[in-house]
Amino acid sequence: MKQLAHLETILINSPRNPGEIKLGRVIAIANQKGGVGKTTTAVNLGASLAAAEQRTLLIDCDPQGNMTTAIGFAKDPTRRTLYHQLVLNEPVDRIILKTQVEGLDIIPSDKNLVGAAVELVSMENREFRLRALVGQLRDSYAFILLDCPPSLDLLTLNALAAADAILVPIQCEYLALEGVSELLDTLMRLRRTINPSLAIEGILLTMYDDRTTLSKQVAADLKSFFGSQVFESIIPRNVRLAEAPSHGKPVMFYDIHSKGAESYIQLAQEVIVNAAKRAGQGAKCAHSGA
């Protein structure tokens, strides 16, 4: 209870919290490289947004189902998942689950989703099945976060077609730099083909170790390359952050005082403030055009 009270002090009473964002913003958390912190970011950013009174939906687009497990749901072959909606047209209200975090829901995944990549191939508008699903839910959530597989398959294409923006976790290691140009090429192709309005929500530096020169150099290079598109928040290497999924909890409910929890709380505030700025700019444009 003390941890929850501390969390409320940080988030709910924060002067940077502009109130619940009314229009659902869909953010795909994606990187073709595996092991960079996509699922960790989806779970902990989602929990931090919900704790800041921003109603949030997580959609697990990865057949591994790691996000579903990390948020506290044991594997259950009888559970309806994203597969049932995308392929079998199951009503969406029958697959959404409430999590242990108030204001945070999830559409789960399991290994059946592997079959969706095959079964969708012959379907009409196969790249836009998830977009149709998300369209039904935008008005119910402030944020919708899509956890993508570590590949550019049909499931990832569906997520990027449905998204307003892409959030890219990049590990602070040398090989991450080699993937930057590949990532930009992918983004440009997606804009030309399936989603011309896909924006970059931000580049998130993960697994940062301030004791090493390499982490500092990679972070500096990425900030030089991407400029203001790099989030101010940096996710450190953190034992508590690594342990939390095995307990089926976001890190803020496992150890609110850990550096990992603090970093994702800060990231949530950045995302909220950026969304509020965009909403304000949109209102100004609408007013000036009236």
Protein backbone atom coordinates (compact mmCIF):
# COMPACT_ATOMS: atom_id res chain seq x y z
CA MET A 1 0.00 0.00 0.00
CA LYS A 2 2.89 2.36 0.74
CA GLN A 3 4.24 1.75 -2.77
CA LEU A 4 0.86 2.60 -4.30
CA ALA A 5 0.63 5.78 -2.24
CA HIS A 6 4.13 6.73 -3.38
CA LEU A 7 3.12 6.02 -7.00
CA GLU A 8 0.09 8.28 -6.72
CA THR A 9 2.26 11.06 -5.34
CA ILE A 10 4.60 10.79 -8.33
CA LEU A 11 2.00 10.45 -11.06
CA ILE A 12 -1.46 11.69 -10.15
CA ASN A 13 -0.29 14.91 -8.54
CA SER A 14 2.41 15.60 -11.10
CA PRO A 15 2.10 19.11 -12.55
CA ARG A 16 3.03 17.66 -15.96
CA ASN A 17 -0.04 15.42 -16.09
CA PRO A 18 -2.49 17.30 -18.35
CA GLY A 19 -5.50 15.04 -17.66
CA GLU A 20 -6.71 12.07 -19.63
CA ILE A 21 -6.09 12.28 -23.35
CA LYS A 22 -9.49 11.87 -25.01
CA LEU A 23 -8.50 10.50 -28.41
CA GLY A 24 -6.92 7.06 -28.51
CA ARG A 25 -3.33 7.23 -29.74
CA VAL A 26 -2.09 3.95 -31.18
CA ILE A 27 1.61 3.29 -30.66
CA ALA A 28 3.40 0.27 -32.11
CA ILE A 29 6.46 -0.74 -30.12
CA ALA A 30 8.68 -2.30 -32.75
CA ASN A 31 12.20 -3.12 -33.79
CA GLN A 32 13.27 -5.86 -36.20
CA LYS A 33 16.07 -6.74 -33.78
CA GLY A 34 15.13 -9.02 -30.89
CA GLY A 35 16.11 -8.60 -27.25
CA VAL A 36 15.97 -4.81 -27.20
CA GLY A 37 13.20 -4.42 -24.61
CA LYS A 38 10.01 -4.19 -26.69
CA THR A 39 7.84 -6.29 -24.38
CA THR A 40 9.37 -4.81 -21.24
CA THR A 41 8.58 -1.35 -22.61
CA ALA A 42 5.02 -2.26 -23.62
CA VAL A 43 4.16 -3.68 -20.19
CA ASN A 44 5.82 -1.00 -18.09
CA LEU A 45 4.87 2.00 -20.22
CA GLY A 46 1.29 0.72 -20.29
CA ALA A 47 1.19 0.31 -16.51
CA SER A 48 2.74 3.74 -15.98
CA LEU A 49 0.21 5.39 -18.31
CA ALA A 50 -2.67 3.65 -16.54
CA ALA A 51 -1.32 4.70 -13.15
CA ALA A 52 -1.28 8.27 -14.46
CA GLU A 53 -5.04 7.95 -15.12
CA GLN A 54 -4.64 7.40 -18.86
CA ARG A 55 -6.85 4.42 -19.73
CA THR A 56 -4.64 2.11 -21.77
CA LEU A 57 -5.03 -1.06 -23.83
CA LEU A 58 -2.18 -3.46 -24.52
CA ILE A 59 -2.40 -5.64 -27.63
CA ASP A 60 -0.01 -8.59 -27.70
CA CYS A 61 0.85 -9.11 -31.39
CA ASP A 62 3.65 -11.60 -30.73
CA PRO A 63 2.84 -15.35 -30.86
CA GLN A 64 5.33 -15.91 -28.02
CA GLY A 65 2.79 -14.22 -25.74
CA ASN A 66 5.48 -12.80 -23.47
CA MET A 67 3.56 -9.60 -22.76
CA THR A 68 0.49 -11.63 -21.76
CA THR A 69 2.60 -13.61 -19.30
CA ALA A 70 4.53 -10.60 -18.01
CA ILE A 71 1.32 -8.79 -17.06
CA GLY A 72 0.18 -11.75 -14.95
CA PHE A 73 -1.75 -14.22 -17.15
CA ALA A 74 -0.62 -17.84 -17.08
CA LYS A 75 -0.76 -19.79 -20.34
CA ASP A 76 -4.29 -21.06 -20.96
CA PRO A 77 -5.17 -22.89 -24.21
CA THR A 78 -8.89 -22.15 -23.67
CA ARG A 79 -8.40 -18.38 -23.56
CA ARG A 80 -9.61 -16.31 -26.51
CA THR A 81 -6.79 -14.27 -27.98
CA LEU A 82 -5.94 -11.84 -30.77
CA TYR A 83 -5.95 -14.84 -33.14
CA HIS A 84 -9.66 -15.40 -32.55
CA GLN A 85 -10.48 -11.83 -33.56
CA LEU A 86 -8.15 -11.45 -36.55
CA VAL A 87 -8.92 -14.82 -38.13
CA LEU A 88 -12.25 -15.98 -36.67
CA ASN A 89 -13.89 -12.53 -36.21
CA GLU A 90 -14.58 -13.10 -32.52
CA PRO A 91 -16.36 -10.06 -30.98
CA VAL A 92 -13.72 -7.80 -29.48
CA ASP A 93 -15.45 -7.51 -26.11
CA ARG A 94 -14.97 -11.27 -25.65
CA ILE A 95 -11.18 -11.14 -25.93
CA ILE A 96 -10.31 -8.04 -23.88
CA LEU A 97 -9.12 -8.85 -20.35
CA LYS A 98 -8.74 -6.55 -17.36
CA THR A 99 -5.28 -6.69 -15.79
CA GLN A 100 -4.24 -6.28 -12.16
CA VAL A 101 -3.57 -2.60 -12.91
CA GLU A 102 -6.64 -0.39 -12.76
CA GLY A 103 -7.26 1.27 -16.12
CA LEU A 104 -5.06 -1.20 -18.01
CA ASP A 105 -6.62 -3.86 -20.27
CA ILE A 106 -5.04 -6.39 -22.61
CA ILE A 107 -5.86 -8.36 -25.73
CA PRO A 108 -3.74 -11.47 -25.11
CA SER A 109 -1.76 -13.67 -27.47
CA ASP A 110 -0.61 -17.26 -27.60
CA LYS A 111 1.08 -19.69 -30.01
CA ASN A 112 -2.08 -19.88 -32.18
CA LEU A 113 -1.16 -16.46 -33.52
CA VAL A 114 1.59 -18.15 -35.55
CA GLY A 115 -1.21 -19.61 -37.65
CA ALA A 116 -2.65 -16.16 -38.28
CA ALA A 117 0.40 -15.18 -40.32
CA VAL A 118 -0.42 -18.08 -42.67
CA GLU A 119 -4.21 -17.84 -42.63
CA LEU A 120 -4.28 -14.08 -43.22
CA VAL A 121 -2.37 -14.41 -46.50
CA SER A 122 -5.47 -15.40 -48.45
CA MET A 123 -7.77 -12.87 -46.77
CA GLU A 124 -8.88 -9.59 -48.28
CA ASN A 125 -7.13 -6.49 -46.83
CA ARG A 126 -4.83 -8.79 -44.91
CA GLU A 127 -2.50 -5.98 -43.77
CA PHE A 128 -5.40 -3.98 -42.34
CA ARG A 129 -7.22 -6.52 -40.14
CA LEU A 130 -5.75 -5.10 -36.95
CA ARG A 131 -6.51 -1.53 -38.07
CA ALA A 132 -10.20 -2.47 -38.28
CA LEU A 133 -10.05 -3.90 -34.75
CA VAL A 134 -8.27 -0.85 -33.34
CA GLY A 135 -10.81 1.43 -34.99
CA GLN A 136 -13.51 -0.07 -32.78
CA LEU A 137 -11.52 0.72 -29.62
CA ARG A 138 -10.00 4.18 -30.09
CA ASP A 139 -12.82 5.99 -28.32
CA SER A 140 -12.48 3.77 -25.23
CA TYR A 141 -8.79 4.36 -24.48
CA ALA A 142 -6.32 7.22 -24.22
CA PHE A 143 -3.50 4.98 -25.48
CA ILE A 144 -3.33 1.66 -27.29
CA LEU A 145 0.10 -0.03 -27.25
CA LEU A 146 0.96 -2.78 -29.75
CA ASP A 147 3.78 -5.16 -28.82
CA CYS A 148 5.24 -6.38 -32.13
CA PRO A 149 7.22 -9.54 -32.95
CA PRO A 150 10.96 -9.12 -33.67
CA SER A 151 10.50 -9.47 -37.43
CA LEU A 152 8.78 -7.74 -40.30
CA ASP A 153 6.11 -10.40 -40.84
CA LEU A 154 2.41 -10.01 -41.55
CA LEU A 155 1.60 -9.52 -37.85
CA THR A 156 4.08 -6.64 -37.59
CA LEU A 157 2.76 -5.14 -40.82
CA ASN A 158 -0.75 -5.26 -39.35
CA ALA A 159 0.46 -3.46 -36.23
CA LEU A 160 2.29 -0.76 -38.20
CA ALA A 161 -0.70 -0.29 -40.51
CA ALA A 162 -2.92 0.23 -37.45
CA ALA A 163 -0.54 2.57 -35.59
CA ASP A 164 -0.40 6.34 -35.47
CA ALA A 165 3.26 6.15 -34.50
CA ILE A 166 6.13 3.77 -33.87
CA LEU A 167 8.16 3.72 -30.66
CA VAL A 168 11.54 2.10 -31.24
CA PRO A 169 13.51 0.65 -28.34
CA ILE A 170 17.21 0.52 -29.17
CA GLN A 171 19.71 -1.28 -26.99
CA CYS A 172 22.76 0.75 -26.03
CA GLU A 173 25.23 -1.62 -27.67
CA TYR A 174 27.36 -1.44 -30.80
CA LEU A 175 25.23 -3.73 -32.98
CA ALA A 176 22.20 -1.50 -32.37
CA LEU A 177 23.85 1.20 -34.48
CA GLU A 178 24.11 -1.17 -37.43
CA GLY A 179 20.33 -1.61 -37.40
CA VAL A 180 19.53 2.09 -37.56
CA SER A 181 19.71 2.49 -41.35
CA GLU A 182 17.75 -0.76 -41.80
CA LEU A 183 15.08 0.60 -39.47
CA LEU A 184 14.79 3.86 -41.40
CA ASP A 185 14.54 2.00 -44.73
CA THR A 186 11.70 -0.08 -43.31
CA LEU A 187 9.88 2.99 -42.04
CA MET A 188 10.16 4.70 -45.43
CA ARG A 189 8.80 1.62 -47.22
CA LEU A 190 5.87 1.43 -44.82
CA ARG A 191 5.03 5.09 -45.37
CA ARG A 192 5.04 4.56 -49.15
CA THR A 193 2.81 1.51 -49.00
CA ILE A 194 0.56 0.72 -46.04
CA ASN A 195 0.57 3.75 -43.71
CA PRO A 196 1.58 7.16 -45.14
CA SER A 197 0.85 8.94 -41.84
CA LEU A 198 3.01 6.67 -39.62
CA ALA A 199 5.05 8.92 -37.35
CA ILE A 200 7.98 8.28 -35.04
CA GLU A 201 6.75 8.47 -31.45
CA GLY A 202 10.31 8.35 -30.28
CA ILE A 203 13.55 6.40 -30.03
CA LEU A 204 13.95 4.83 -26.60
CA LEU A 205 17.42 3.95 -25.34
CA THR A 206 17.29 0.72 -23.35
CA MET A 207 19.67 -1.45 -21.31
CA TYR A 208 21.84 1.60 -20.65
CA ASP A 209 24.81 1.09 -18.33
CA ASP A 210 26.33 4.39 -17.25
CA ARG A 211 29.44 2.57 -16.02
CA THR A 212 30.54 1.72 -19.57
CA THR A 213 32.02 4.00 -22.20
CA LEU A 214 30.25 1.99 -24.91
CA SER A 215 26.76 2.77 -23.58
CA LYS A 216 27.59 6.45 -23.34
CA GLN A 217 29.04 6.51 -26.87
CA VAL A 218 26.08 4.65 -28.41
CA ALA A 219 23.64 6.97 -26.63
CA ALA A 220 25.54 10.03 -27.86
CA ASP A 221 25.64 8.69 -31.44
CA LEU A 222 21.89 7.93 -31.48
CA LYS A 223 21.04 11.36 -30.07
CA SER A 224 23.27 12.95 -32.70
CA PHE A 225 21.58 10.93 -35.44
CA PHE A 226 17.94 11.22 -34.34
CA GLY A 227 18.07 14.52 -32.42
CA SER A 228 14.87 15.46 -30.60
CA GLN A 229 13.22 12.17 -31.62
CA VAL A 230 15.19 10.43 -28.87
CA PHE A 231 13.29 10.35 -25.57
CA GLU A 232 14.90 12.14 -22.64
CA SER A 233 14.04 9.10 -20.52
CA ILE A 234 16.63 6.33 -20.70
CA ILE A 235 15.94 2.80 -19.50
CA PRO A 236 18.87 1.42 -17.51
CA ARG A 237 20.04 -2.13 -17.05
CA ASN A 238 18.21 -3.02 -13.85
CA VAL A 239 17.86 -6.28 -11.92
CA ARG A 240 14.34 -5.46 -10.68
CA LEU A 241 13.23 -4.73 -14.23
CA ALA A 242 14.49 -8.15 -15.30
CA GLU A 243 12.89 -9.93 -12.33
CA ALA A 244 9.42 -8.38 -12.53
CA PRO A 245 8.07 -10.46 -15.50
CA SER A 246 8.74 -13.73 -13.63
CA HIS A 247 6.37 -12.44 -10.95
CA GLY A 248 3.74 -11.44 -13.50
CA LYS A 249 3.93 -7.77 -12.51
CA PRO A 250 4.96 -4.46 -14.06
CA VAL A 251 8.10 -3.25 -12.31
CA MET A 252 6.27 -0.41 -10.54
CA PHE A 253 4.19 -3.00 -8.69
CA TYR A 254 7.23 -5.14 -7.99
CA ASP A 255 9.58 -2.41 -6.76
CA ILE A 256 8.37 1.16 -7.17
CA HIS A 257 11.68 2.54 -5.90
CA SER A 258 13.82 0.77 -8.50
CA LYS A 259 15.57 2.70 -11.25
CA GLY A 260 13.62 0.70 -13.82
CA ALA A 261 10.27 1.79 -12.36
CA GLU A 262 11.35 5.42 -12.13
CA SER A 263 12.55 5.40 -15.75
CA TYR A 264 9.25 4.08 -17.13
CA ILE A 265 7.27 6.54 -15.01
CA GLN A 266 9.34 9.33 -16.57
CA LEU A 267 8.80 7.88 -20.05
CA ALA A 268 5.02 7.79 -19.48
CA GLN A 269 5.09 11.46 -18.53
CA GLU A 270 6.98 12.28 -21.74
CA VAL A 271 4.45 10.36 -23.83
CA ILE A 272 1.52 12.08 -22.09
CA VAL A 273 2.99 15.57 -22.46
CA ASN A 274 3.84 14.96 -26.13
CA ALA A 275 0.28 13.75 -26.78
CA ALA A 276 -1.14 16.83 -25.07
CA LYS A 277 1.08 19.07 -27.21
CA ARG A 278 -0.11 17.35 -30.37
CA ALA A 279 -3.72 17.69 -29.26
CA GLY A 280 -3.16 21.40 -28.62
CA GLN A 281 -1.53 21.89 -32.02
CA GLY A 282 -4.41 20.07 -33.68
CA ALA A 283 -6.92 22.29 -31.94
CA LYS A 284 -5.02 25.40 -33.05
CA CYS A 285 -4.93 24.19 -36.65
CA ALA A 286 -8.66 23.43 -36.58
CA HIS A 287 -9.36 26.87 -35.10
CA SER A 288 -7.21 28.70 -37.63
CA GLY A 289 -8.84 26.79 -40.46
CA ALA A 290 -12.36 27.58 -39.27
